[in-house]
Amino acid sequence: MIFGYSGSICASLLFFPQVWTSYKTKQTKSLSWLSIIIGLLNGLSWVGYGLLKNDPIIWVTNSLVFTGVFLLMLLKKKYG
């Protein structure tokens, strides 16, 4: 159980260091649009799956992942 929660926490935080760095430096040229799109689709798919399975660990974790990637997308549009 501890491994599951640890994994969920790590997954939730996965994109936020890049969001913070991109925000601070105002540089996103090196970020790939394809990886952002895949990240959005991944997060959205897992949220849908978590909702269908009625598993809050899955959908909450991946809602945070989706939020991180979405913020990265906004920064890429603004600075990229």
PDB file of N, CA and C in Angstrom:
ATOM      1  N   MET A   1       0.814  -1.186   0.000  1.00  0.00           N
ATOM      2  CA  MET A   1       0.000   0.000   0.000  1.00  0.00           C
ATOM      3  C   MET A   1       0.867   1.263   0.000  1.00  0.00           C
ATOM      4  N   ILE A   2       1.961   1.226   0.737  1.00  0.00           N
ATOM      5  CA  ILE A   2       2.849   2.392   0.786  1.00  0.00           C
ATOM      6  C   ILE A   2       3.470   2.667  -0.579  1.00  0.00           C
ATOM      7  N   PHE A   3       3.736   1.604  -1.346  1.00  0.00           N
ATOM      8  CA  PHE A   3       4.299   1.798  -2.674  1.00  0.00           C
ATOM      9  C   PHE A   3       3.281   2.458  -3.604  1.00  0.00           C
ATOM     10  N   GLY A   4       2.034   2.090  -3.476  1.00  0.00           N
ATOM     11  CA  GLY A   4       0.982   2.696  -4.293  1.00  0.00           C
ATOM     12  C   GLY A   4       0.825   4.177  -4.009  1.00  0.00           C
ATOM     13  N   TYR A   5       0.794   4.524  -2.721  1.00  0.00           N
ATOM     14  CA  TYR A   5       0.673   5.934  -2.356  1.00  0.00           C
ATOM     15  C   TYR A   5       1.917   6.720  -2.758  1.00  0.00           C
ATOM     16  N   SER A   6       3.082   6.125  -2.580  1.00  0.00           N
ATOM     17  CA  SER A   6       4.325   6.791  -2.990  1.00  0.00           C
ATOM     18  C   SER A   6       4.339   7.037  -4.493  1.00  0.00           C
ATOM     19  N   GLY A   7       3.920   6.043  -5.244  1.00  0.00           N
ATOM     20  CA  GLY A   7       3.853   6.186  -6.699  1.00  0.00           C
ATOM     21  C   GLY A   7       2.862   7.257  -7.118  1.00  0.00           C
ATOM     22  N   SER A   8       1.737   7.305  -6.433  1.00  0.00           N
ATOM     23  CA  SER A   8       0.728   8.317  -6.745  1.00  0.00           C
ATOM     24  C   SER A   8       1.246   9.722  -6.474  1.00  0.00           C
ATOM     25  N   ILE A   9       1.948   9.889  -5.383  1.00  0.00           N
ATOM     26  CA  ILE A   9       2.516  11.200  -5.051  1.00  0.00           C
ATOM     27  C   ILE A   9       3.556  11.611  -6.090  1.00  0.00           C
ATOM     28  N   CYS A  10       4.427  10.683  -6.446  1.00  0.00           N
ATOM     29  CA  CYS A  10       5.459  10.986  -7.451  1.00  0.00           C
ATOM     30  C   CYS A  10       4.831  11.315  -8.805  1.00  0.00           C
ATOM     31  N   ALA A  11       3.821  10.542  -9.208  1.00  0.00           N
ATOM     32  CA  ALA A  11       3.148  10.800 -10.485  1.00  0.00           C
ATOM     33  C   ALA A  11       2.462  12.159 -10.468  1.00  0.00           C
ATOM     34  N   SER A  12       1.847  12.501  -9.339  1.00  0.00           N
ATOM     35  CA  SER A  12       1.154  13.784  -9.224  1.00  0.00           C
ATOM     36  C   SER A  12       2.105  14.958  -9.390  1.00  0.00           C
ATOM     37  N   LEU A  13       3.324  14.795  -8.922  1.00  0.00           N
ATOM     38  CA  LEU A  13       4.305  15.879  -8.940  1.00  0.00           C
ATOM     39  C   LEU A  13       5.187  15.884 -10.180  1.00  0.00           C
ATOM     40  N   LEU A  14       4.990  14.922 -11.050  1.00  0.00           N
ATOM     41  CA  LEU A  14       5.889  14.689 -12.178  1.00  0.00           C
ATOM     42  C   LEU A  14       6.182  15.923 -13.026  1.00  0.00           C
ATOM     43  N   PHE A  15       5.194  16.704 -13.383  1.00  0.00           N
ATOM     44  CA  PHE A  15       5.394  17.813 -14.310  1.00  0.00           C
ATOM     45  C   PHE A  15       5.619  19.156 -13.629  1.00  0.00           C
ATOM     46  N   PHE A  16       5.368  19.242 -12.333  1.00  0.00           N
ATOM     47  CA  PHE A  16       5.437  20.544 -11.669  1.00  0.00           C
ATOM     48  C   PHE A  16       6.840  21.155 -11.609  1.00  0.00           C
ATOM     49  N   PRO A  17       7.919  20.374 -11.480  1.00  0.00           N
ATOM     50  CA  PRO A  17       9.245  21.015 -11.562  1.00  0.00           C
ATOM     51  C   PRO A  17       9.493  21.681 -12.915  1.00  0.00           C
ATOM     52  N   GLN A  18       9.023  21.054 -13.992  1.00  0.00           N
ATOM     53  CA  GLN A  18       9.178  21.651 -15.319  1.00  0.00           C
ATOM     54  C   GLN A  18       8.299  22.884 -15.461  1.00  0.00           C
ATOM     55  N   VAL A  19       7.106  22.838 -14.897  1.00  0.00           N
ATOM     56  CA  VAL A  19       6.224  24.012 -14.912  1.00  0.00           C
ATOM     57  C   VAL A  19       6.914  25.174 -14.198  1.00  0.00           C
ATOM     58  N   TRP A  20       7.467  24.897 -13.027  1.00  0.00           N
ATOM     59  CA  TRP A  20       8.132  25.946 -12.246  1.00  0.00           C
ATOM     60  C   TRP A  20       9.339  26.521 -12.999  1.00  0.00           C
ATOM     61  N   THR A  21      10.161  25.647 -13.565  1.00  0.00           N
ATOM     62  CA  THR A  21      11.338  26.093 -14.312  1.00  0.00           C
ATOM     63  C   THR A  21      10.931  26.918 -15.531  1.00  0.00           C
ATOM     64  N   SER A  22       9.922  26.459 -16.246  1.00  0.00           N
ATOM     65  CA  SER A  22       9.457  27.187 -17.433  1.00  0.00           C
ATOM     66  C   SER A  22       8.898  28.552 -17.050  1.00  0.00           C
ATOM     67  N   TYR A  23       8.194  28.604 -15.947  1.00  0.00           N
ATOM     68  CA  TYR A  23       7.631  29.873 -15.472  1.00  0.00           C
ATOM     69  C   TYR A  23       8.743  30.844 -15.073  1.00  0.00           C
ATOM     70  N   LYS A  24       9.733  30.335 -14.352  1.00  0.00           N
ATOM     71  CA  LYS A  24      10.825  31.196 -13.886  1.00  0.00           C
ATOM     72  C   LYS A  24      11.681  31.701 -15.035  1.00  0.00           C
ATOM     73  N   THR A  25      12.038  30.824 -15.966  1.00  0.00           N
ATOM     74  CA  THR A  25      12.960  31.190 -17.044  1.00  0.00           C
ATOM     75  C   THR A  25      12.259  31.805 -18.250  1.00  0.00           C
ATOM     76  N   LYS A  26      10.960  31.599 -18.348  1.00  0.00           N
ATOM     77  CA  LYS A  26      10.167  32.078 -19.494  1.00  0.00           C
ATOM     78  C   LYS A  26      10.669  31.469 -20.805  1.00  0.00           C
ATOM     79  N   GLN A  27      11.206  30.252 -20.718  1.00  0.00           N
ATOM     80  CA  GLN A  27      11.729  29.555 -21.899  1.00  0.00           C
ATOM     81  C   GLN A  27      11.124  28.161 -21.990  1.00  0.00           C
ATOM     82  N   THR A  28      10.516  27.885 -23.144  1.00  0.00           N
ATOM     83  CA  THR A  28       9.909  26.570 -23.352  1.00  0.00           C
ATOM     84  C   THR A  28      10.222  26.008 -24.737  1.00  0.00           C
ATOM     85  N   LYS A  29      11.165  26.620 -25.443  1.00  0.00           N
ATOM     86  CA  LYS A  29      11.467  26.170 -26.805  1.00  0.00           C
ATOM     87  C   LYS A  29      11.876  24.704 -26.871  1.00  0.00           C
ATOM     88  N   SER A  30      12.566  24.222 -25.853  1.00  0.00           N
ATOM     89  CA  SER A  30      13.058  22.843 -25.890  1.00  0.00           C
ATOM     90  C   SER A  30      11.983  21.814 -25.533  1.00  0.00           C
ATOM     91  N   LEU A  31      10.809  22.262 -25.117  1.00  0.00           N
ATOM     92  CA  LEU A  31       9.730  21.330 -24.796  1.00  0.00           C
ATOM     93  C   LEU A  31       9.024  20.888 -26.072  1.00  0.00           C
ATOM     94  N   SER A  32       8.757  19.616 -26.163  1.00  0.00           N
ATOM     95  CA  SER A  32       8.110  19.039 -27.331  1.00  0.00           C
ATOM     96  C   SER A  32       6.584  19.138 -27.215  1.00  0.00           C
ATOM     97  N   TRP A  33       5.954  19.661 -28.267  1.00  0.00           N
ATOM     98  CA  TRP A  33       4.496  19.697 -28.294  1.00  0.00           C
ATOM     99  C   TRP A  33       3.925  18.291 -28.247  1.00  0.00           C
ATOM    100  N   LEU A  34       4.586  17.354 -28.927  1.00  0.00           N
ATOM    101  CA  LEU A  34       4.088  15.978 -28.947  1.00  0.00           C
ATOM    102  C   LEU A  34       4.064  15.383 -27.540  1.00  0.00           C
ATOM    103  N   SER A  35       5.100  15.621 -26.760  1.00  0.00           N
ATOM    104  CA  SER A  35       5.113  15.074 -25.402  1.00  0.00           C
ATOM    105  C   SER A  35       4.037  15.730 -24.533  1.00  0.00           C
ATOM    106  N   ILE A  36       3.758  17.003 -24.768  1.00  0.00           N
ATOM    107  CA  ILE A  36       2.693  17.678 -24.022  1.00  0.00           C
ATOM    108  C   ILE A  36       1.336  17.084 -24.392  1.00  0.00           C
ATOM    109  N   ILE A  37       1.107  16.878 -25.666  1.00  0.00           N
ATOM    110  CA  ILE A  37      -0.164  16.301 -26.122  1.00  0.00           C
ATOM    111  C   ILE A  37      -0.336  14.881 -25.582  1.00  0.00           C
ATOM    112  N   ILE A  38       0.717  14.093 -25.636  1.00  0.00           N
ATOM    113  CA  ILE A  38       0.652  12.730 -25.101  1.00  0.00           C
ATOM    114  C   ILE A  38       0.389  12.766 -23.596  1.00  0.00           C
ATOM    115  N   GLY A  39       1.029  13.697 -22.890  1.00  0.00           N
ATOM    116  CA  GLY A  39       0.799  13.833 -21.452  1.00  0.00           C
ATOM    117  C   GLY A  39      -0.645  14.195 -21.135  1.00  0.00           C
ATOM    118  N   LEU A  40      -1.223  15.097 -21.920  1.00  0.00           N
ATOM    119  CA  LEU A  40      -2.629  15.470 -21.728  1.00  0.00           C
ATOM    120  C   LEU A  40      -3.551  14.280 -21.968  1.00  0.00           C
ATOM    121  N   LEU A  41      -3.311  13.560 -23.062  1.00  0.00           N
ATOM    122  CA  LEU A  41      -4.137  12.388 -23.370  1.00  0.00           C
ATOM    123  C   LEU A  41      -3.979  11.303 -22.314  1.00  0.00           C
ATOM    124  N   ASN A  42      -2.761  11.119 -21.826  1.00  0.00           N
ATOM    125  CA  ASN A  42      -2.502  10.130 -20.790  1.00  0.00           C
ATOM    126  C   ASN A  42      -3.278  10.475 -19.508  1.00  0.00           C
ATOM    127  N   GLY A  43      -3.140  11.717 -19.060  1.00  0.00           N
ATOM    128  CA  GLY A  43      -3.834  12.138 -17.849  1.00  0.00           C
ATOM    129  C   GLY A  43      -5.337  12.017 -17.987  1.00  0.00           C
ATOM    130  N   LEU A  44      -5.868  12.472 -19.120  1.00  0.00           N
ATOM    131  CA  LEU A  44      -7.301  12.421 -19.357  1.00  0.00           C
ATOM    132  C   LEU A  44      -7.809  10.974 -19.406  1.00  0.00           C
ATOM    133  N   SER A  45      -7.061  10.104 -20.052  1.00  0.00           N
ATOM    134  CA  SER A  45      -7.454   8.694 -20.131  1.00  0.00           C
ATOM    135  C   SER A  45      -7.496   8.046 -18.747  1.00  0.00           C
ATOM    136  N   TRP A  46      -6.479   8.307 -17.939  1.00  0.00           N
ATOM    137  CA  TRP A  46      -6.436   7.731 -16.596  1.00  0.00           C
ATOM    138  C   TRP A  46      -7.520   8.305 -15.694  1.00  0.00           C
ATOM    139  N   VAL A  47      -7.828   9.582 -15.857  1.00  0.00           N
ATOM    140  CA  VAL A  47      -8.932  10.164 -15.075  1.00  0.00           C
ATOM    141  C   VAL A  47     -10.235   9.463 -15.445  1.00  0.00           C
ATOM    142  N   GLY A  48     -10.470   9.290 -16.730  1.00  0.00           N
ATOM    143  CA  GLY A  48     -11.674   8.586 -17.177  1.00  0.00           C
ATOM    144  C   GLY A  48     -11.741   7.174 -16.634  1.00  0.00           C
ATOM    145  N   TYR A  49     -10.637   6.463 -16.693  1.00  0.00           N
ATOM    146  CA  TYR A  49     -10.583   5.103 -16.171  1.00  0.00           C
ATOM    147  C   TYR A  49     -10.853   5.080 -14.668  1.00  0.00           C
ATOM    148  N   GLY A  50     -10.229   5.999 -13.945  1.00  0.00           N
ATOM    149  CA  GLY A  50     -10.433   6.070 -12.498  1.00  0.00           C
ATOM    150  C   GLY A  50     -11.872   6.358 -12.133  1.00  0.00           C
ATOM    151  N   LEU A  51     -12.517   7.225 -12.919  1.00  0.00           N
ATOM    152  CA  LEU A  51     -13.925   7.524 -12.674  1.00  0.00           C
ATOM    153  C   LEU A  51     -14.807   6.305 -12.972  1.00  0.00           C
ATOM    154  N   LEU A  52     -14.508   5.614 -14.067  1.00  0.00           N
ATOM    155  CA  LEU A  52     -15.281   4.404 -14.402  1.00  0.00           C
ATOM    156  C   LEU A  52     -15.124   3.319 -13.341  1.00  0.00           C
ATOM    157  N   LYS A  53     -13.926   3.190 -12.800  1.00  0.00           N
ATOM    158  CA  LYS A  53     -13.663   2.182 -11.757  1.00  0.00           C
ATOM    159  C   LYS A  53     -14.034   2.691 -10.365  1.00  0.00           C
ATOM    160  N   ASN A  54     -14.442   3.959 -10.285  1.00  0.00           N
ATOM    161  CA  ASN A  54     -14.769   4.590  -9.009  1.00  0.00           C
ATOM    162  C   ASN A  54     -13.602   4.473  -8.027  1.00  0.00           C
ATOM    163  N   ASP A  55     -12.407   4.778  -8.541  1.00  0.00           N
ATOM    164  CA  ASP A  55     -11.180   4.681  -7.742  1.00  0.00           C
ATOM    165  C   ASP A  55     -10.563   6.074  -7.593  1.00  0.00           C
ATOM    166  N   PRO A  56     -10.776   6.708  -6.431  1.00  0.00           N
ATOM    167  CA  PRO A  56     -10.276   8.074  -6.259  1.00  0.00           C
ATOM    168  C   PRO A  56      -8.758   8.191  -6.323  1.00  0.00           C
ATOM    169  N   ILE A  57      -8.030   7.158  -5.944  1.00  0.00           N
ATOM    170  CA  ILE A  57      -6.567   7.216  -6.038  1.00  0.00           C
ATOM    171  C   ILE A  57      -6.158   7.444  -7.490  1.00  0.00           C
ATOM    172  N   ILE A  58      -6.792   6.742  -8.403  1.00  0.00           N
ATOM    173  CA  ILE A  58      -6.447   6.868  -9.824  1.00  0.00           C
ATOM    174  C   ILE A  58      -6.879   8.222 -10.371  1.00  0.00           C
ATOM    175  N   TRP A  59      -8.125   8.614 -10.142  1.00  0.00           N
ATOM    176  CA  TRP A  59      -8.575   9.843 -10.791  1.00  0.00           C
ATOM    177  C   TRP A  59      -8.030  11.105 -10.139  1.00  0.00           C
ATOM    178  N   VAL A  60      -7.808  11.099  -8.841  1.00  0.00           N
ATOM    179  CA  VAL A  60      -7.236  12.283  -8.197  1.00  0.00           C
ATOM    180  C   VAL A  60      -5.781  12.461  -8.636  1.00  0.00           C
ATOM    181  N   THR A  61      -5.019  11.374  -8.579  1.00  0.00           N
ATOM    182  CA  THR A  61      -3.619  11.426  -9.009  1.00  0.00           C
ATOM    183  C   THR A  61      -3.504  11.955 -10.422  1.00  0.00           C
ATOM    184  N   ASN A  62      -4.285  11.406 -11.314  1.00  0.00           N
ATOM    185  CA  ASN A  62      -4.151  11.778 -12.722  1.00  0.00           C
ATOM    186  C   ASN A  62      -4.812  13.112 -13.048  1.00  0.00           C
ATOM    187  N   SER A  63      -5.707  13.574 -12.207  1.00  0.00           N
ATOM    188  CA  SER A  63      -6.198  14.952 -12.345  1.00  0.00           C
ATOM    189  C   SER A  63      -5.057  15.924 -12.078  1.00  0.00           C
ATOM    190  N   LEU A  64      -4.238  15.615 -11.101  1.00  0.00           N
ATOM    191  CA  LEU A  64      -3.072  16.456 -10.808  1.00  0.00           C
ATOM    192  C   LEU A  64      -2.043  16.379 -11.930  1.00  0.00           C
ATOM    193  N   VAL A  65      -1.838  15.179 -12.473  1.00  0.00           N
ATOM    194  CA  VAL A  65      -0.935  15.023 -13.620  1.00  0.00           C
ATOM    195  C   VAL A  65      -1.449  15.871 -14.788  1.00  0.00           C
ATOM    196  N   PHE A  66      -2.732  15.746 -15.089  1.00  0.00           N
ATOM    197  CA  PHE A  66      -3.327  16.515 -16.177  1.00  0.00           C
ATOM    198  C   PHE A  66      -3.164  18.017 -15.940  1.00  0.00           C
ATOM    199  N   THR A  67      -3.370  18.451 -14.710  1.00  0.00           N
ATOM    200  CA  THR A  67      -3.219  19.868 -14.375  1.00  0.00           C
ATOM    201  C   THR A  67      -1.796  20.347 -14.640  1.00  0.00           C
ATOM    202  N   GLY A  68      -0.808  19.542 -14.233  1.00  0.00           N
ATOM    203  CA  GLY A  68       0.585  19.900 -14.477  1.00  0.00           C
ATOM    204  C   GLY A  68       0.902  20.025 -15.946  1.00  0.00           C
ATOM    205  N   VAL A  69       0.433  19.069 -16.736  1.00  0.00           N
ATOM    206  CA  VAL A  69       0.691  19.106 -18.181  1.00  0.00           C
ATOM    207  C   VAL A  69      -0.078  20.262 -18.824  1.00  0.00           C
ATOM    208  N   PHE A  70      -1.284  20.521 -18.350  1.00  0.00           N
ATOM    209  CA  PHE A  70      -2.073  21.615 -18.886  1.00  0.00           C
ATOM    210  C   PHE A  70      -1.378  22.955 -18.630  1.00  0.00           C
ATOM    211  N   LEU A  71      -0.846  23.135 -17.427  1.00  0.00           N
ATOM    212  CA  LEU A  71      -0.098  24.357 -17.130  1.00  0.00           C
ATOM    213  C   LEU A  71       1.131  24.468 -18.025  1.00  0.00           C
ATOM    214  N   LEU A  72       1.797  23.350 -18.247  1.00  0.00           N
ATOM    215  CA  LEU A  72       2.962  23.342 -19.133  1.00  0.00           C
ATOM    216  C   LEU A  72       2.562  23.739 -20.553  1.00  0.00           C
ATOM    217  N   MET A  73       1.402  23.269 -20.993  1.00  0.00           N
ATOM    218  CA  MET A  73       0.909  23.633 -22.316  1.00  0.00           C
ATOM    219  C   MET A  73       0.650  25.138 -22.406  1.00  0.00           C
ATOM    220  N   LEU A  74       0.048  25.708 -21.372  1.00  0.00           N
ATOM    221  CA  LEU A  74      -0.209  27.150 -21.368  1.00  0.00           C
ATOM    222  C   LEU A  74       1.091  27.941 -21.422  1.00  0.00           C
ATOM    223  N   LEU A  75       2.091  27.477 -20.669  1.00  0.00           N
ATOM    224  CA  LEU A  75       3.397  28.147 -20.690  1.00  0.00           C
ATOM    225  C   LEU A  75       4.067  28.004 -22.046  1.00  0.00           C
ATOM    226  N   LYS A  76       3.934  26.843 -22.663  1.00  0.00           N
ATOM    227  CA  LYS A  76       4.515  26.622 -23.989  1.00  0.00           C
ATOM    228  C   LYS A  76       3.860  27.547 -25.009  1.00  0.00           C
ATOM    229  N   LYS A  77       2.546  27.701 -24.927  1.00  0.00           N
ATOM    230  CA  LYS A  77       1.859  28.620 -25.840  1.00  0.00           C
ATOM    231  C   LYS A  77       2.307  30.062 -25.621  1.00  0.00           C
ATOM    232  N   LYS A  78       2.525  30.420 -24.364  1.00  0.00           N
ATOM    233  CA  LYS A  78       2.891  31.804 -24.051  1.00  0.00           C
ATOM    234  C   LYS A  78       4.351  32.108 -24.377  1.00  0.00           C
ATOM    235  N   TYR A  79       5.257  31.204 -24.045  1.00  0.00           N
ATOM    236  CA  TYR A  79       6.694  31.481 -24.163  1.00  0.00           C
ATOM    237  C   TYR A  79       7.393  30.724 -25.289  1.00  0.00           C
ATOM    238  N   GLY A  80       6.739  29.707 -25.859  1.00  0.00           N
ATOM    239  CA  GLY A  80       7.401  28.843 -26.817  1.00  0.00           C
ATOM    240  C   GLY A  80       7.393  29.336 -28.207  1.00  0.00           C
TER     241      GLY A  80
END
